[in-house]
Amino acid sequence: MEIAGYLHDLGKLAVPKEILEKPDKLSTEEFNVVKSHTYYTYRILSRIPNFETINRWASFHHERLDGSGYPFRLSAFDLPLGSKIMAVADVFTALTEDRPYRAGMDVDKALKIIENMSQNNILDVYTVQLLKKNIAKVNEARIYSQTEALREYEKFSQSGVLY
């Protein structure tokens, strides 16, 4: 699960920095480019021997139980538990962290949105219950990880390697 978590957005390497860091609303075309990251993650990880489970957990984090997700429009029956966990973690992180286009929302508001998504057969109910039960620990880990990731990204960015 940890490895899948580290690799779930690997396909964002195929998304231009100008789109990923755009401070305004994305156009439909730009959003489609961002959405393609899960397919690229899938394709990259599919080339690594014995990574089948990690690949499914990582690449299916935007699939939804009702089949409305991407890149493959899989439904609940086709999604392994690891992918369901990754989806809940990804939504929680996306809602609570600061983004170039908005400040992160508070945990209670994020949990209400996530709970609503589980009631509408988008996210796994049991995984959402586990998140709620452990929210203090999860949020503390999220804050620590994001602070460290931002620090590393800024160092890497200043090195001139990024375009």
N, C-alpha and C. Protein backbone atom coordinates (compact mmCIF):
# COMPACT_ATOMS: atom_id res chain seq x y z
N MET A 1 0.83 -1.18 0.00
CA MET A 1 0.00 0.00 0.00
C MET A 1 0.88 1.26 0.00
N GLU A 2 1.93 1.22 0.78
CA GLU A 2 2.82 2.39 0.83
C GLU A 2 3.45 2.67 -0.54
N ILE A 3 3.90 1.63 -1.20
CA ILE A 3 4.52 1.81 -2.52
C ILE A 3 3.49 2.34 -3.51
N ALA A 4 2.28 1.79 -3.49
CA ALA A 4 1.21 2.27 -4.37
C ALA A 4 0.91 3.74 -4.08
N GLY A 5 0.94 4.11 -2.81
CA GLY A 5 0.71 5.51 -2.45
C GLY A 5 1.78 6.43 -3.01
N TYR A 6 3.00 5.99 -2.96
CA TYR A 6 4.09 6.81 -3.52
C TYR A 6 3.97 6.93 -5.04
N LEU A 7 3.45 5.90 -5.69
CA LEU A 7 3.46 5.85 -7.15
C LEU A 7 2.13 6.24 -7.81
N HIS A 8 1.08 6.47 -7.04
CA HIS A 8 -0.25 6.64 -7.64
C HIS A 8 -0.35 7.82 -8.61
N ASP A 9 0.45 8.83 -8.45
CA ASP A 9 0.42 9.98 -9.36
C ASP A 9 1.64 10.03 -10.28
N LEU A 10 2.32 8.92 -10.44
CA LEU A 10 3.50 8.85 -11.30
C LEU A 10 3.20 9.38 -12.70
N GLY A 11 2.02 9.10 -13.21
CA GLY A 11 1.64 9.54 -14.54
C GLY A 11 1.55 11.05 -14.70
N LYS A 12 1.57 11.78 -13.60
CA LYS A 12 1.56 13.25 -13.70
C LYS A 12 2.86 13.78 -14.31
N LEU A 13 3.85 12.92 -14.43
CA LEU A 13 5.07 13.31 -15.13
C LEU A 13 4.77 13.63 -16.60
N ALA A 14 3.66 13.10 -17.11
CA ALA A 14 3.25 13.36 -18.50
C ALA A 14 2.38 14.61 -18.63
N VAL A 15 2.10 15.25 -17.51
CA VAL A 15 1.25 16.45 -17.51
C VAL A 15 2.15 17.68 -17.37
N PRO A 16 2.01 18.64 -18.29
CA PRO A 16 2.86 19.84 -18.20
C PRO A 16 2.72 20.58 -16.87
N LYS A 17 3.82 21.07 -16.38
CA LYS A 17 3.86 21.80 -15.12
C LYS A 17 2.89 22.98 -15.13
N GLU A 18 2.74 23.62 -16.29
CA GLU A 18 1.85 24.79 -16.40
C GLU A 18 0.40 24.41 -16.10
N ILE A 19 0.04 23.19 -16.42
CA ILE A 19 -1.32 22.73 -16.12
C ILE A 19 -1.42 22.32 -14.66
N LEU A 20 -0.45 21.55 -14.18
CA LEU A 20 -0.49 21.09 -12.78
C LEU A 20 -0.49 22.25 -11.78
N GLU A 21 0.20 23.33 -12.11
CA GLU A 21 0.33 24.44 -11.17
C GLU A 21 -0.50 25.66 -11.57
N LYS A 22 -1.42 25.48 -12.49
CA LYS A 22 -2.24 26.59 -12.95
C LYS A 22 -3.09 27.12 -11.79
N PRO A 23 -3.04 28.43 -11.55
CA PRO A 23 -3.78 28.99 -10.42
C PRO A 23 -5.26 29.23 -10.72
N ASP A 24 -5.66 29.09 -11.98
CA ASP A 24 -7.04 29.32 -12.38
C ASP A 24 -7.73 27.99 -12.68
N LYS A 25 -9.02 28.09 -12.97
CA LYS A 25 -9.78 26.91 -13.33
C LYS A 25 -9.23 26.33 -14.63
N LEU A 26 -9.17 25.00 -14.69
CA LEU A 26 -8.69 24.32 -15.88
C LEU A 26 -9.77 24.30 -16.96
N SER A 27 -9.35 24.41 -18.21
CA SER A 27 -10.28 24.22 -19.33
C SER A 27 -10.62 22.73 -19.41
N THR A 28 -11.62 22.40 -20.20
CA THR A 28 -11.99 20.99 -20.39
C THR A 28 -10.80 20.21 -20.94
N GLU A 29 -10.11 20.80 -21.89
CA GLU A 29 -8.96 20.12 -22.50
C GLU A 29 -7.85 19.90 -21.46
N GLU A 30 -7.58 20.92 -20.65
CA GLU A 30 -6.54 20.81 -19.62
C GLU A 30 -6.94 19.75 -18.59
N PHE A 31 -8.20 19.74 -18.19
CA PHE A 31 -8.65 18.74 -17.22
C PHE A 31 -8.52 17.33 -17.79
N ASN A 32 -8.80 17.17 -19.07
CA ASN A 32 -8.62 15.86 -19.69
C ASN A 32 -7.16 15.43 -19.70
N VAL A 33 -6.25 16.38 -19.86
CA VAL A 33 -4.82 16.07 -19.79
C VAL A 33 -4.47 15.60 -18.38
N VAL A 34 -4.98 16.29 -17.36
CA VAL A 34 -4.72 15.89 -15.97
C VAL A 34 -5.29 14.50 -15.72
N LYS A 35 -6.51 14.25 -16.18
CA LYS A 35 -7.13 12.95 -15.97
C LYS A 35 -6.34 11.81 -16.61
N SER A 36 -5.58 12.11 -17.64
CA SER A 36 -4.80 11.06 -18.31
C SER A 36 -3.69 10.51 -17.43
N HIS A 37 -3.38 11.18 -16.32
CA HIS A 37 -2.26 10.72 -15.49
C HIS A 37 -2.47 9.32 -14.96
N THR A 38 -3.71 8.93 -14.70
CA THR A 38 -3.94 7.58 -14.17
C THR A 38 -3.65 6.52 -15.23
N TYR A 39 -3.96 6.82 -16.47
CA TYR A 39 -3.66 5.89 -17.55
C TYR A 39 -2.14 5.75 -17.71
N TYR A 40 -1.43 6.88 -17.66
CA TYR A 40 0.03 6.83 -17.77
C TYR A 40 0.64 6.07 -16.59
N THR A 41 0.08 6.27 -15.40
CA THR A 41 0.55 5.50 -14.25
C THR A 41 0.36 4.01 -14.51
N TYR A 42 -0.80 3.65 -15.00
CA TYR A 42 -1.09 2.24 -15.31
C TYR A 42 -0.09 1.68 -16.32
N ARG A 43 0.13 2.41 -17.38
CA ARG A 43 1.03 1.93 -18.45
C ARG A 43 2.48 1.80 -17.94
N ILE A 44 2.94 2.76 -17.18
CA ILE A 44 4.30 2.71 -16.65
C ILE A 44 4.47 1.52 -15.71
N LEU A 45 3.55 1.40 -14.75
CA LEU A 45 3.68 0.33 -13.75
C LEU A 45 3.43 -1.05 -14.35
N SER A 46 2.68 -1.13 -15.45
CA SER A 46 2.42 -2.44 -16.05
C SER A 46 3.68 -3.06 -16.64
N ARG A 47 4.70 -2.26 -16.82
CA ARG A 47 5.96 -2.76 -17.39
C ARG A 47 6.91 -3.31 -16.32
N ILE A 48 6.53 -3.20 -15.07
CA ILE A 48 7.39 -3.67 -13.98
C ILE A 48 6.91 -5.05 -13.53
N PRO A 49 7.78 -6.06 -13.65
CA PRO A 49 7.38 -7.41 -13.25
C PRO A 49 6.94 -7.48 -11.79
N ASN A 50 5.90 -8.24 -11.53
CA ASN A 50 5.38 -8.51 -10.19
C ASN A 50 4.78 -7.27 -9.51
N PHE A 51 4.41 -6.27 -10.28
CA PHE A 51 3.80 -5.06 -9.72
C PHE A 51 2.30 -5.00 -10.00
N GLU A 52 1.68 -6.11 -10.35
CA GLU A 52 0.28 -6.11 -10.75
C GLU A 52 -0.62 -5.53 -9.66
N THR A 53 -0.46 -5.98 -8.44
CA THR A 53 -1.30 -5.50 -7.35
C THR A 53 -1.03 -4.03 -7.07
N ILE A 54 0.22 -3.66 -6.97
CA ILE A 54 0.58 -2.26 -6.74
C ILE A 54 0.02 -1.39 -7.87
N ASN A 55 0.11 -1.88 -9.09
CA ASN A 55 -0.40 -1.13 -10.23
C ASN A 55 -1.91 -0.89 -10.09
N ARG A 56 -2.67 -1.91 -9.77
CA ARG A 56 -4.13 -1.74 -9.62
C ARG A 56 -4.45 -0.78 -8.49
N TRP A 57 -3.79 -0.92 -7.37
CA TRP A 57 -4.06 -0.03 -6.25
C TRP A 57 -3.74 1.42 -6.62
N ALA A 58 -2.62 1.62 -7.28
CA ALA A 58 -2.19 2.98 -7.62
C ALA A 58 -2.99 3.58 -8.77
N SER A 59 -3.16 2.83 -9.83
CA SER A 59 -3.74 3.36 -11.06
C SER A 59 -5.25 3.55 -11.02
N PHE A 60 -5.93 2.85 -10.13
CA PHE A 60 -7.39 2.93 -10.09
C PHE A 60 -7.90 3.90 -9.02
N HIS A 61 -7.07 4.81 -8.54
CA HIS A 61 -7.49 5.68 -7.44
C HIS A 61 -8.53 6.73 -7.84
N HIS A 62 -8.79 6.90 -9.13
CA HIS A 62 -9.87 7.80 -9.58
C HIS A 62 -11.06 7.03 -10.15
N GLU A 63 -11.04 5.71 -10.02
CA GLU A 63 -12.22 4.92 -10.37
C GLU A 63 -13.24 5.08 -9.25
N ARG A 64 -14.51 4.96 -9.57
CA ARG A 64 -15.57 5.14 -8.59
C ARG A 64 -16.46 3.90 -8.55
N LEU A 65 -17.01 3.61 -7.39
CA LEU A 65 -17.81 2.40 -7.20
C LEU A 65 -18.96 2.32 -8.20
N ASP A 66 -19.52 3.47 -8.58
CA ASP A 66 -20.65 3.48 -9.51
C ASP A 66 -20.23 3.41 -10.97
N GLY A 67 -18.93 3.29 -11.24
CA GLY A 67 -18.44 3.17 -12.61
C GLY A 67 -18.21 4.50 -13.31
N SER A 68 -18.31 5.60 -12.58
CA SER A 68 -18.17 6.93 -13.20
C SER A 68 -16.74 7.46 -13.22
N GLY A 69 -15.80 6.68 -12.71
CA GLY A 69 -14.42 7.18 -12.61
C GLY A 69 -13.62 7.00 -13.88
N TYR A 70 -12.32 7.18 -13.73
CA TYR A 70 -11.41 7.04 -14.87
C TYR A 70 -10.10 6.43 -14.39
N PRO A 71 -9.31 5.80 -15.24
CA PRO A 71 -9.33 5.85 -16.70
C PRO A 71 -10.19 4.75 -17.35
N PHE A 72 -10.60 3.71 -16.60
CA PHE A 72 -11.24 2.56 -17.22
C PHE A 72 -12.72 2.42 -16.90
N ARG A 73 -13.27 3.31 -16.10
CA ARG A 73 -14.69 3.28 -15.72
C ARG A 73 -15.08 1.94 -15.08
N LEU A 74 -14.19 1.48 -14.19
CA LEU A 74 -14.46 0.25 -13.46
C LEU A 74 -15.52 0.51 -12.38
N SER A 75 -16.20 -0.53 -11.94
CA SER A 75 -17.18 -0.37 -10.87
C SER A 75 -16.74 -1.17 -9.65
N ALA A 76 -17.54 -1.11 -8.60
CA ALA A 76 -17.18 -1.68 -7.30
C ALA A 76 -16.66 -3.11 -7.39
N PHE A 77 -17.33 -3.94 -8.14
CA PHE A 77 -16.96 -5.34 -8.23
C PHE A 77 -15.55 -5.53 -8.78
N ASP A 78 -15.12 -4.63 -9.66
CA ASP A 78 -13.82 -4.74 -10.32
C ASP A 78 -12.68 -4.08 -9.54
N LEU A 79 -13.00 -3.40 -8.46
CA LEU A 79 -11.98 -2.64 -7.74
C LEU A 79 -11.50 -3.39 -6.50
N PRO A 80 -10.20 -3.60 -6.40
CA PRO A 80 -9.67 -4.23 -5.18
C PRO A 80 -9.74 -3.26 -4.00
N LEU A 81 -9.72 -3.83 -2.81
CA LEU A 81 -9.79 -3.02 -1.60
C LEU A 81 -8.70 -1.94 -1.58
N GLY A 82 -7.49 -2.28 -2.01
CA GLY A 82 -6.41 -1.31 -2.01
C GLY A 82 -6.73 -0.08 -2.86
N SER A 83 -7.41 -0.27 -3.97
CA SER A 83 -7.81 0.86 -4.82
C SER A 83 -8.88 1.71 -4.13
N LYS A 84 -9.77 1.05 -3.40
CA LYS A 84 -10.81 1.78 -2.66
C LYS A 84 -10.20 2.62 -1.54
N ILE A 85 -9.21 2.06 -0.87
CA ILE A 85 -8.51 2.80 0.18
C ILE A 85 -7.77 3.98 -0.44
N MET A 86 -7.07 3.74 -1.54
CA MET A 86 -6.32 4.80 -2.21
C MET A 86 -7.26 5.91 -2.66
N ALA A 87 -8.45 5.57 -3.14
CA ALA A 87 -9.42 6.57 -3.59
C ALA A 87 -9.86 7.47 -2.45
N VAL A 88 -10.17 6.88 -1.31
CA VAL A 88 -10.60 7.68 -0.15
C VAL A 88 -9.46 8.57 0.32
N ALA A 89 -8.27 8.02 0.40
CA ALA A 89 -7.10 8.81 0.83
C ALA A 89 -6.84 9.96 -0.14
N ASP A 90 -6.97 9.69 -1.44
CA ASP A 90 -6.71 10.72 -2.44
C ASP A 90 -7.74 11.84 -2.37
N VAL A 91 -9.01 11.50 -2.19
CA VAL A 91 -10.05 12.54 -2.08
C VAL A 91 -9.82 13.36 -0.81
N PHE A 92 -9.54 12.69 0.30
CA PHE A 92 -9.29 13.42 1.55
C PHE A 92 -8.13 14.40 1.38
N THR A 93 -7.06 13.93 0.80
CA THR A 93 -5.89 14.77 0.58
C THR A 93 -6.21 15.92 -0.37
N ALA A 94 -6.90 15.63 -1.46
CA ALA A 94 -7.23 16.66 -2.44
C ALA A 94 -8.10 17.76 -1.83
N LEU A 95 -9.00 17.38 -0.95
CA LEU A 95 -9.89 18.38 -0.34
C LEU A 95 -9.19 19.21 0.73
N THR A 96 -8.29 18.61 1.48
CA THR A 96 -7.72 19.29 2.64
C THR A 96 -6.40 20.00 2.39
N GLU A 97 -5.72 19.68 1.32
CA GLU A 97 -4.44 20.35 1.07
C GLU A 97 -4.65 21.61 0.24
N ASP A 98 -3.73 22.54 0.40
CA ASP A 98 -3.74 23.75 -0.43
C ASP A 98 -3.39 23.38 -1.85
N ARG A 99 -4.07 24.00 -2.78
CA ARG A 99 -3.81 23.83 -4.20
C ARG A 99 -3.49 25.19 -4.80
N PRO A 100 -2.87 25.24 -5.97
CA PRO A 100 -2.55 26.55 -6.56
C PRO A 100 -3.79 27.43 -6.76
N TYR A 101 -4.95 26.80 -6.92
CA TYR A 101 -6.17 27.54 -7.23
C TYR A 101 -7.10 27.74 -6.05
N ARG A 102 -6.77 27.14 -4.86
CA ARG A 102 -7.61 27.33 -3.67
C ARG A 102 -6.92 26.82 -2.42
N ALA A 103 -7.37 27.34 -1.30
CA ALA A 103 -6.87 26.86 -0.01
C ALA A 103 -7.58 25.56 0.33
N GLY A 104 -6.90 24.70 1.06
CA GLY A 104 -7.51 23.45 1.50
C GLY A 104 -8.64 23.72 2.47
N MET A 105 -9.64 22.83 2.49
CA MET A 105 -10.77 23.04 3.39
C MET A 105 -10.52 22.34 4.72
N ASP A 106 -11.29 22.73 5.72
CA ASP A 106 -11.11 22.13 7.04
C ASP A 106 -11.58 20.68 7.02
N VAL A 107 -11.08 19.91 7.95
CA VAL A 107 -11.29 18.47 8.00
C VAL A 107 -12.77 18.12 8.11
N ASP A 108 -13.53 18.83 8.93
CA ASP A 108 -14.94 18.50 9.10
C ASP A 108 -15.72 18.66 7.79
N LYS A 109 -15.45 19.72 7.07
CA LYS A 109 -16.13 19.94 5.79
C LYS A 109 -15.73 18.86 4.79
N ALA A 110 -14.45 18.51 4.77
CA ALA A 110 -13.96 17.46 3.87
C ALA A 110 -14.63 16.13 4.20
N LEU A 111 -14.75 15.81 5.48
CA LEU A 111 -15.39 14.55 5.88
C LEU A 111 -16.86 14.50 5.46
N LYS A 112 -17.54 15.64 5.52
CA LYS A 112 -18.95 15.67 5.08
C LYS A 112 -19.05 15.36 3.59
N ILE A 113 -18.15 15.91 2.80
CA ILE A 113 -18.15 15.66 1.36
C ILE A 113 -17.85 14.19 1.09
N ILE A 114 -16.86 13.66 1.79
CA ILE A 114 -16.46 12.26 1.60
C ILE A 114 -17.59 11.32 2.03
N GLU A 115 -18.24 11.64 3.14
CA GLU A 115 -19.36 10.83 3.59
C GLU A 115 -20.48 10.84 2.56
N ASN A 116 -20.76 12.00 2.00
CA ASN A 116 -21.77 12.11 0.96
C ASN A 116 -21.40 11.27 -0.26
N MET A 117 -20.12 11.28 -0.62
CA MET A 117 -19.66 10.47 -1.75
C MET A 117 -19.85 8.98 -1.47
N SER A 118 -19.66 8.57 -0.23
CA SER A 118 -19.85 7.15 0.10
C SER A 118 -21.34 6.80 0.08
N GLN A 119 -22.18 7.70 0.52
CA GLN A 119 -23.63 7.44 0.50
C GLN A 119 -24.18 7.41 -0.93
N ASN A 120 -23.46 8.04 -1.86
CA ASN A 120 -23.87 8.06 -3.26
C ASN A 120 -23.13 7.01 -4.10
N ASN A 121 -22.55 6.00 -3.44
CA ASN A 121 -21.90 4.87 -4.11
C ASN A 121 -20.73 5.31 -5.00
N ILE A 122 -19.99 6.31 -4.54
CA ILE A 122 -18.80 6.77 -5.25
C ILE A 122 -17.56 6.25 -4.54
N LEU A 123 -17.54 6.37 -3.22
CA LEU A 123 -16.43 5.88 -2.39
C LEU A 123 -16.94 4.77 -1.47
N ASP A 124 -16.04 3.90 -1.07
CA ASP A 124 -16.35 2.75 -0.23
C ASP A 124 -16.76 3.17 1.18
N VAL A 125 -17.95 2.77 1.60
CA VAL A 125 -18.51 3.14 2.90
C VAL A 125 -17.60 2.70 4.05
N TYR A 126 -17.10 1.49 4.01
CA TYR A 126 -16.30 0.95 5.12
C TYR A 126 -14.95 1.67 5.23
N THR A 127 -14.37 2.00 4.10
CA THR A 127 -13.11 2.73 4.11
C THR A 127 -13.32 4.13 4.64
N VAL A 128 -14.43 4.75 4.29
CA VAL A 128 -14.75 6.09 4.81
C VAL A 128 -14.96 6.02 6.32
N GLN A 129 -15.62 4.98 6.81
CA GLN A 129 -15.80 4.82 8.25
C GLN A 129 -14.46 4.70 8.97
N LEU A 130 -13.52 3.95 8.37
CA LEU A 130 -12.18 3.83 8.96
C LEU A 130 -11.46 5.18 8.98
N LEU A 131 -11.61 5.96 7.92
CA LEU A 131 -11.02 7.29 7.90
C LEU A 131 -11.58 8.12 9.04
N LYS A 132 -12.88 8.14 9.18
CA LYS A 132 -13.51 8.94 10.24
C LYS A 132 -13.04 8.50 11.63
N LYS A 133 -12.94 7.20 11.82
CA LYS A 133 -12.52 6.66 13.11
C LYS A 133 -11.08 7.05 13.46
N ASN A 134 -10.24 7.21 12.45
CA ASN A 134 -8.83 7.50 12.65
C ASN A 134 -8.42 8.88 12.14
N ILE A 135 -9.36 9.81 12.07
CA ILE A 135 -9.13 11.07 11.39
C ILE A 135 -7.99 11.89 12.01
N ALA A 136 -7.85 11.89 13.31
CA ALA A 136 -6.79 12.69 13.93
C ALA A 136 -5.41 12.20 13.47
N LYS A 137 -5.18 10.90 13.51
CA LYS A 137 -3.90 10.33 13.08
C LYS A 137 -3.67 10.54 11.59
N VAL A 138 -4.70 10.32 10.81
CA VAL A 138 -4.58 10.46 9.35
C VAL A 138 -4.26 11.90 8.99
N ASN A 139 -4.96 12.84 9.61
CA ASN A 139 -4.72 14.25 9.29
C ASN A 139 -3.34 14.71 9.74
N GLU A 140 -2.90 14.23 10.86
CA GLU A 140 -1.54 14.57 11.34
C GLU A 140 -0.49 14.04 10.35
N ALA A 141 -0.67 12.83 9.90
CA ALA A 141 0.26 12.25 8.93
C ALA A 141 0.21 13.00 7.60
N ARG A 142 -0.99 13.41 7.19
CA ARG A 142 -1.14 14.18 5.95
C ARG A 142 -0.39 15.50 6.03
N ILE A 143 -0.55 16.21 7.11
CA ILE A 143 0.12 17.51 7.27
C ILE A 143 1.63 17.33 7.25
N TYR A 144 2.13 16.35 7.99
CA TYR A 144 3.57 16.11 8.02
C TYR A 144 4.09 15.76 6.62
N SER A 145 3.42 14.81 5.96
CA SER A 145 3.87 14.36 4.63
C SER A 145 3.84 15.49 3.62
N GLN A 146 2.80 16.29 3.63
CA GLN A 146 2.70 17.36 2.66
C GLN A 146 3.73 18.46 2.91
N THR A 147 4.02 18.72 4.16
CA THR A 147 5.05 19.71 4.48
C THR A 147 6.41 19.24 3.97
N GLU A 148 6.72 17.97 4.22
CA GLU A 148 7.99 17.42 3.74
C GLU A 148 8.04 17.35 2.22
N ALA A 149 6.95 16.97 1.59
CA ALA A 149 6.91 16.88 0.13
C ALA A 149 7.10 18.25 -0.50
N LEU A 150 6.47 19.26 0.06
CA LEU A 150 6.62 20.62 -0.47
C LEU A 150 8.07 21.09 -0.32
N ARG A 151 8.67 20.81 0.80
CA ARG A 151 10.06 21.18 1.03
C ARG A 151 10.97 20.52 -0.01
N GLU A 152 10.77 19.23 -0.26
CA GLU A 152 11.56 18.50 -1.25
C GLU A 152 11.31 19.02 -2.66
N TYR A 153 10.05 19.31 -2.97
CA TYR A 153 9.71 19.81 -4.30
C TYR A 153 10.38 21.15 -4.56
N GLU A 154 10.36 22.02 -3.57
CA GLU A 154 10.98 23.33 -3.73
C GLU A 154 12.48 23.21 -3.95
N LYS A 155 13.14 22.31 -3.22
CA LYS A 155 14.57 22.08 -3.43
C LYS A 155 14.83 21.55 -4.83
N PHE A 156 14.03 20.60 -5.23
CA PHE A 156 14.17 19.99 -6.57
C PHE A 156 13.90 21.03 -7.65
N SER A 157 12.88 21.83 -7.45
CA SER A 157 12.49 22.86 -8.41
C SER A 157 13.60 23.90 -8.59
N GLN A 158 14.23 24.26 -7.50
CA GLN A 158 15.30 25.27 -7.53
C GLN A 158 16.57 24.73 -8.19
N SER A 159 16.68 23.42 -8.32
CA SER A 159 17.86 22.84 -8.91
C SER A 159 17.90 23.02 -10.42
N GLY A 160 16.76 23.45 -11.02
CA GLY A 160 16.71 23.68 -12.45
C GLY A 160 16.39 22.46 -13.27
N VAL A 161 16.05 21.34 -12.62
CA VAL A 161 15.76 20.11 -13.33
C VAL A 161 14.38 20.15 -13.97
N LEU A 162 13.42 20.80 -13.30
CA LEU A 162 12.06 20.87 -13.82
C LEU A 162 11.97 21.88 -14.94
N TYR A 163 11.09 21.62 -15.88
CA TYR A 163 10.92 22.52 -17.03
C TYR A 163 10.00 23.67 -16.71
